[in-house]
Amino acid sequence: MDRMGKPWRNKTGLAKAAVILTTILSIATVSCGLNYALAMASMNSQWAIGVLLVAAYVELATMMGSVVGLLVVLVIWLVTKGRAATRKDIDD
């Protein structure tokens, strides 16, 4: 039994997109925290601060992109759910 598989393996459509974006957001958040800890530990090294600063911008951009993607998925889900409810009301 493969219990440690990809969490989006059995998902489709919006559910798959939401799981992938949430995974990316989680990894970027942890990476950002580690980056902060490394930056605090290497305050005297200018080159390390420069590298960590670039990495921080990439992590923040990734987190923002994931949040925007999750909001888009939420809006699409709400719109399609609303259409399904409207069709159900029309059929009744």
N, C-alpha and C. Protein backbone atom coordinates (compact mmCIF):
# COMPACT_ATOMS: atom_id res chain seq x y z
N MET A 1 0.83 -1.18 0.00
CA MET A 1 0.00 0.00 0.00
C MET A 1 0.87 1.25 0.00
N ASP A 2 0.54 2.14 -0.91
CA ASP A 2 1.29 3.38 -1.01
C ASP A 2 0.50 4.50 -0.33
N ARG A 3 0.73 4.67 0.96
CA ARG A 3 -0.01 5.69 1.70
C ARG A 3 0.63 7.06 1.60
N MET A 4 1.87 7.14 1.19
CA MET A 4 2.57 8.42 1.12
C MET A 4 2.66 8.91 -0.32
N GLY A 5 1.64 8.68 -1.10
CA GLY A 5 1.61 9.12 -2.49
C GLY A 5 1.28 10.60 -2.57
N LYS A 6 1.16 11.07 -3.79
CA LYS A 6 0.80 12.46 -4.01
C LYS A 6 -0.64 12.68 -3.57
N PRO A 7 -0.91 13.75 -2.81
CA PRO A 7 -2.26 13.95 -2.30
C PRO A 7 -3.29 14.26 -3.39
N TRP A 8 -2.84 14.65 -4.57
CA TRP A 8 -3.76 14.99 -5.66
C TRP A 8 -3.96 13.86 -6.64
N ARG A 9 -3.46 12.69 -6.32
CA ARG A 9 -3.50 11.56 -7.25
C ARG A 9 -4.92 11.16 -7.63
N ASN A 10 -5.83 11.13 -6.68
CA ASN A 10 -7.20 10.69 -6.95
C ASN A 10 -8.18 11.85 -7.11
N LYS A 11 -7.66 13.05 -7.32
CA LYS A 11 -8.52 14.23 -7.46
C LYS A 11 -8.61 14.64 -8.92
N THR A 12 -9.65 15.38 -9.25
CA THR A 12 -9.80 15.90 -10.60
C THR A 12 -10.26 17.35 -10.54
N GLY A 13 -10.03 18.08 -11.61
CA GLY A 13 -10.55 19.43 -11.77
C GLY A 13 -10.14 20.41 -10.70
N LEU A 14 -11.13 21.09 -10.15
CA LEU A 14 -10.87 22.14 -9.16
C LEU A 14 -10.28 21.58 -7.86
N ALA A 15 -10.68 20.39 -7.49
CA ALA A 15 -10.14 19.78 -6.27
C ALA A 15 -8.64 19.55 -6.42
N LYS A 16 -8.23 19.08 -7.58
CA LYS A 16 -6.82 18.84 -7.84
C LYS A 16 -6.03 20.15 -7.82
N ALA A 17 -6.58 21.18 -8.46
CA ALA A 17 -5.92 22.48 -8.47
C ALA A 17 -5.80 23.03 -7.05
N ALA A 18 -6.85 22.90 -6.25
CA ALA A 18 -6.82 23.42 -4.88
C ALA A 18 -5.78 22.68 -4.03
N VAL A 19 -5.70 21.37 -4.18
CA VAL A 19 -4.73 20.59 -3.41
C VAL A 19 -3.30 20.95 -3.81
N ILE A 20 -3.05 21.08 -5.11
CA ILE A 20 -1.70 21.43 -5.58
C ILE A 20 -1.32 22.82 -5.09
N LEU A 21 -2.22 23.78 -5.22
CA LEU A 21 -1.92 25.15 -4.77
C LEU A 21 -1.71 25.22 -3.26
N THR A 22 -2.49 24.45 -2.50
CA THR A 22 -2.31 24.42 -1.05
C THR A 22 -0.97 23.80 -0.68
N THR A 23 -0.57 22.76 -1.40
CA THR A 23 0.74 22.13 -1.15
C THR A 23 1.87 23.11 -1.45
N ILE A 24 1.76 23.83 -2.56
CA ILE A 24 2.78 24.82 -2.91
C ILE A 24 2.84 25.92 -1.86
N LEU A 25 1.68 26.38 -1.40
CA LEU A 25 1.63 27.42 -0.38
C LEU A 25 2.26 26.94 0.92
N SER A 26 2.00 25.71 1.31
CA SER A 26 2.57 25.15 2.54
C SER A 26 4.09 25.04 2.46
N ILE A 27 4.58 24.55 1.34
CA ILE A 27 6.03 24.41 1.16
C ILE A 27 6.70 25.78 1.15
N ALA A 28 6.10 26.75 0.46
CA ALA A 28 6.68 28.10 0.40
C ALA A 28 6.68 28.76 1.77
N THR A 29 5.65 28.51 2.57
CA THR A 29 5.58 29.10 3.91
C THR A 29 6.67 28.52 4.81
N VAL A 30 6.85 27.22 4.77
CA VAL A 30 7.91 26.59 5.56
C VAL A 30 9.27 27.08 5.10
N SER A 31 9.46 27.17 3.80
CA SER A 31 10.72 27.64 3.24
C SER A 31 11.00 29.08 3.66
N CYS A 32 9.96 29.90 3.71
CA CYS A 32 10.12 31.29 4.13
C CYS A 32 10.56 31.36 5.59
N GLY A 33 9.98 30.51 6.43
CA GLY A 33 10.37 30.47 7.84
C GLY A 33 11.82 30.02 8.01
N LEU A 34 12.22 29.02 7.25
CA LEU A 34 13.62 28.57 7.31
C LEU A 34 14.56 29.66 6.80
N ASN A 35 14.13 30.35 5.76
CA ASN A 35 14.93 31.44 5.22
C ASN A 35 15.12 32.53 6.27
N TYR A 36 14.07 32.85 7.00
CA TYR A 36 14.16 33.86 8.06
C TYR A 36 15.15 33.42 9.14
N ALA A 37 15.08 32.15 9.53
CA ALA A 37 15.99 31.63 10.56
C ALA A 37 17.44 31.70 10.07
N LEU A 38 17.66 31.33 8.81
CA LEU A 38 19.02 31.41 8.25
C LEU A 38 19.51 32.85 8.16
N ALA A 39 18.62 33.77 7.83
CA ALA A 39 19.01 35.18 7.74
C ALA A 39 19.40 35.72 9.11
N MET A 40 18.67 35.33 10.14
CA MET A 40 19.00 35.78 11.49
C MET A 40 20.32 35.17 11.97
N ALA A 41 20.61 33.96 11.53
CA ALA A 41 21.84 33.30 11.94
C ALA A 41 23.06 33.85 11.22
N SER A 42 22.88 34.40 10.04
CA SER A 42 24.03 34.88 9.25
C SER A 42 23.95 36.39 9.02
N MET A 43 23.74 37.14 10.09
CA MET A 43 23.60 38.59 9.97
C MET A 43 24.88 39.28 9.52
N ASN A 44 26.04 38.69 9.76
CA ASN A 44 27.32 39.36 9.44
C ASN A 44 27.80 39.08 8.03
N SER A 45 27.20 38.13 7.34
CA SER A 45 27.65 37.76 6.00
C SER A 45 26.80 38.46 4.95
N GLN A 46 27.40 39.42 4.23
CA GLN A 46 26.67 40.20 3.25
C GLN A 46 26.19 39.35 2.06
N TRP A 47 27.03 38.44 1.58
CA TRP A 47 26.63 37.65 0.41
C TRP A 47 25.48 36.71 0.77
N ALA A 48 25.51 36.17 2.01
CA ALA A 48 24.43 35.28 2.44
C ALA A 48 23.11 36.05 2.54
N ILE A 49 23.18 37.26 3.05
CA ILE A 49 21.98 38.08 3.15
C ILE A 49 21.41 38.37 1.76
N GLY A 50 22.29 38.65 0.80
CA GLY A 50 21.84 38.90 -0.57
C GLY A 50 21.15 37.70 -1.18
N VAL A 51 21.74 36.53 -1.02
CA VAL A 51 21.16 35.30 -1.56
C VAL A 51 19.83 34.99 -0.86
N LEU A 52 19.80 35.14 0.45
CA LEU A 52 18.58 34.87 1.19
C LEU A 52 17.48 35.88 0.87
N LEU A 53 17.87 37.12 0.55
CA LEU A 53 16.89 38.13 0.19
C LEU A 53 16.22 37.78 -1.15
N VAL A 54 17.02 37.33 -2.11
CA VAL A 54 16.47 36.90 -3.40
C VAL A 54 15.54 35.71 -3.19
N ALA A 55 15.98 34.76 -2.38
CA ALA A 55 15.15 33.59 -2.10
C ALA A 55 13.84 34.00 -1.42
N ALA A 56 13.91 34.98 -0.54
CA ALA A 56 12.71 35.45 0.16
C ALA A 56 11.71 36.06 -0.82
N TYR A 57 12.21 36.84 -1.79
CA TYR A 57 11.31 37.41 -2.79
C TYR A 57 10.65 36.32 -3.63
N VAL A 58 11.41 35.31 -3.98
CA VAL A 58 10.84 34.20 -4.76
C VAL A 58 9.78 33.47 -3.93
N GLU A 59 10.06 33.24 -2.66
CA GLU A 59 9.11 32.56 -1.79
C GLU A 59 7.84 33.39 -1.61
N LEU A 60 7.99 34.68 -1.40
CA LEU A 60 6.81 35.54 -1.24
C LEU A 60 5.98 35.59 -2.52
N ALA A 61 6.65 35.65 -3.67
CA ALA A 61 5.92 35.64 -4.95
C ALA A 61 5.18 34.32 -5.13
N THR A 62 5.81 33.23 -4.75
CA THR A 62 5.17 31.91 -4.83
C THR A 62 3.95 31.84 -3.92
N MET A 63 4.09 32.36 -2.70
CA MET A 63 2.97 32.35 -1.76
C MET A 63 1.82 33.22 -2.28
N MET A 64 2.14 34.38 -2.81
CA MET A 64 1.10 35.26 -3.35
C MET A 64 0.41 34.62 -4.55
N GLY A 65 1.20 33.99 -5.42
CA GLY A 65 0.62 33.31 -6.57
C GLY A 65 -0.30 32.18 -6.17
N SER A 66 0.09 31.44 -5.14
CA SER A 66 -0.75 30.34 -4.65
C SER A 66 -2.05 30.86 -4.06
N VAL A 67 -1.97 31.93 -3.31
CA VAL A 67 -3.18 32.51 -2.71
C VAL A 67 -4.11 33.02 -3.80
N VAL A 68 -3.55 33.71 -4.79
CA VAL A 68 -4.37 34.19 -5.91
C VAL A 68 -5.00 33.00 -6.65
N GLY A 69 -4.23 31.96 -6.88
CA GLY A 69 -4.76 30.76 -7.53
C GLY A 69 -5.88 30.12 -6.73
N LEU A 70 -5.70 30.05 -5.41
CA LEU A 70 -6.76 29.49 -4.56
C LEU A 70 -8.02 30.35 -4.59
N LEU A 71 -7.85 31.67 -4.64
CA LEU A 71 -9.02 32.55 -4.74
C LEU A 71 -9.74 32.36 -6.08
N VAL A 72 -8.97 32.18 -7.15
CA VAL A 72 -9.57 31.92 -8.46
C VAL A 72 -10.34 30.60 -8.44
N VAL A 73 -9.74 29.58 -7.86
CA VAL A 73 -10.43 28.28 -7.75
C VAL A 73 -11.71 28.43 -6.94
N LEU A 74 -11.65 29.19 -5.85
CA LEU A 74 -12.84 29.41 -5.02
C LEU A 74 -13.94 30.11 -5.80
N VAL A 75 -13.58 31.15 -6.55
CA VAL A 75 -14.57 31.88 -7.33
C VAL A 75 -15.18 30.98 -8.40
N ILE A 76 -14.35 30.22 -9.10
CA ILE A 76 -14.87 29.30 -10.13
C ILE A 76 -15.80 28.27 -9.49
N TRP A 77 -15.42 27.75 -8.34
CA TRP A 77 -16.26 26.77 -7.66
C TRP A 77 -17.59 27.38 -7.25
N LEU A 78 -17.56 28.61 -6.71
CA LEU A 78 -18.80 29.26 -6.30
C LEU A 78 -19.71 29.55 -7.50
N VAL A 79 -19.12 29.96 -8.62
CA VAL A 79 -19.91 30.24 -9.82
C VAL A 79 -20.54 28.96 -10.36
N THR A 80 -19.75 27.91 -10.45
CA THR A 80 -20.30 26.65 -10.97
C THR A 80 -21.32 26.05 -10.01
N LYS A 81 -21.10 26.20 -8.72
CA LYS A 81 -22.07 25.70 -7.74
C LYS A 81 -23.36 26.50 -7.85
N GLY A 82 -23.26 27.80 -8.05
CA GLY A 82 -24.44 28.64 -8.23
C GLY A 82 -25.22 28.29 -9.47
N ARG A 83 -24.50 28.00 -10.55
CA ARG A 83 -25.18 27.58 -11.79
C ARG A 83 -25.90 26.26 -11.60
N ALA A 84 -25.26 25.34 -10.89
CA ALA A 84 -25.90 24.04 -10.65
C ALA A 84 -27.16 24.22 -9.83
N ALA A 85 -27.12 25.10 -8.82
CA ALA A 85 -28.30 25.35 -8.01
C ALA A 85 -29.40 26.01 -8.83
N THR A 86 -29.02 26.92 -9.73
CA THR A 86 -30.00 27.58 -10.57
C THR A 86 -30.66 26.58 -11.51
N ARG A 87 -29.87 25.71 -12.11
CA ARG A 87 -30.44 24.69 -13.00
C ARG A 87 -31.38 23.76 -12.23
N LYS A 88 -31.02 23.44 -11.01
CA LYS A 88 -31.87 22.56 -10.21
C LYS A 88 -33.19 23.26 -9.89
N ASP A 89 -33.15 24.55 -9.61
CA ASP A 89 -34.39 25.31 -9.33
C ASP A 89 -35.26 25.38 -10.57
N ILE A 90 -34.65 25.53 -11.74
CA ILE A 90 -35.41 25.62 -12.98
C ILE A 90 -36.08 24.29 -13.29
N ASP A 91 -35.36 23.19 -13.03
CA ASP A 91 -35.91 21.87 -13.32
C ASP A 91 -37.07 21.53 -12.41
N ASP A 92 -37.08 22.06 -11.20
CA ASP A 92 -38.16 21.75 -10.24
C ASP A 92 -39.37 22.50 -10.56
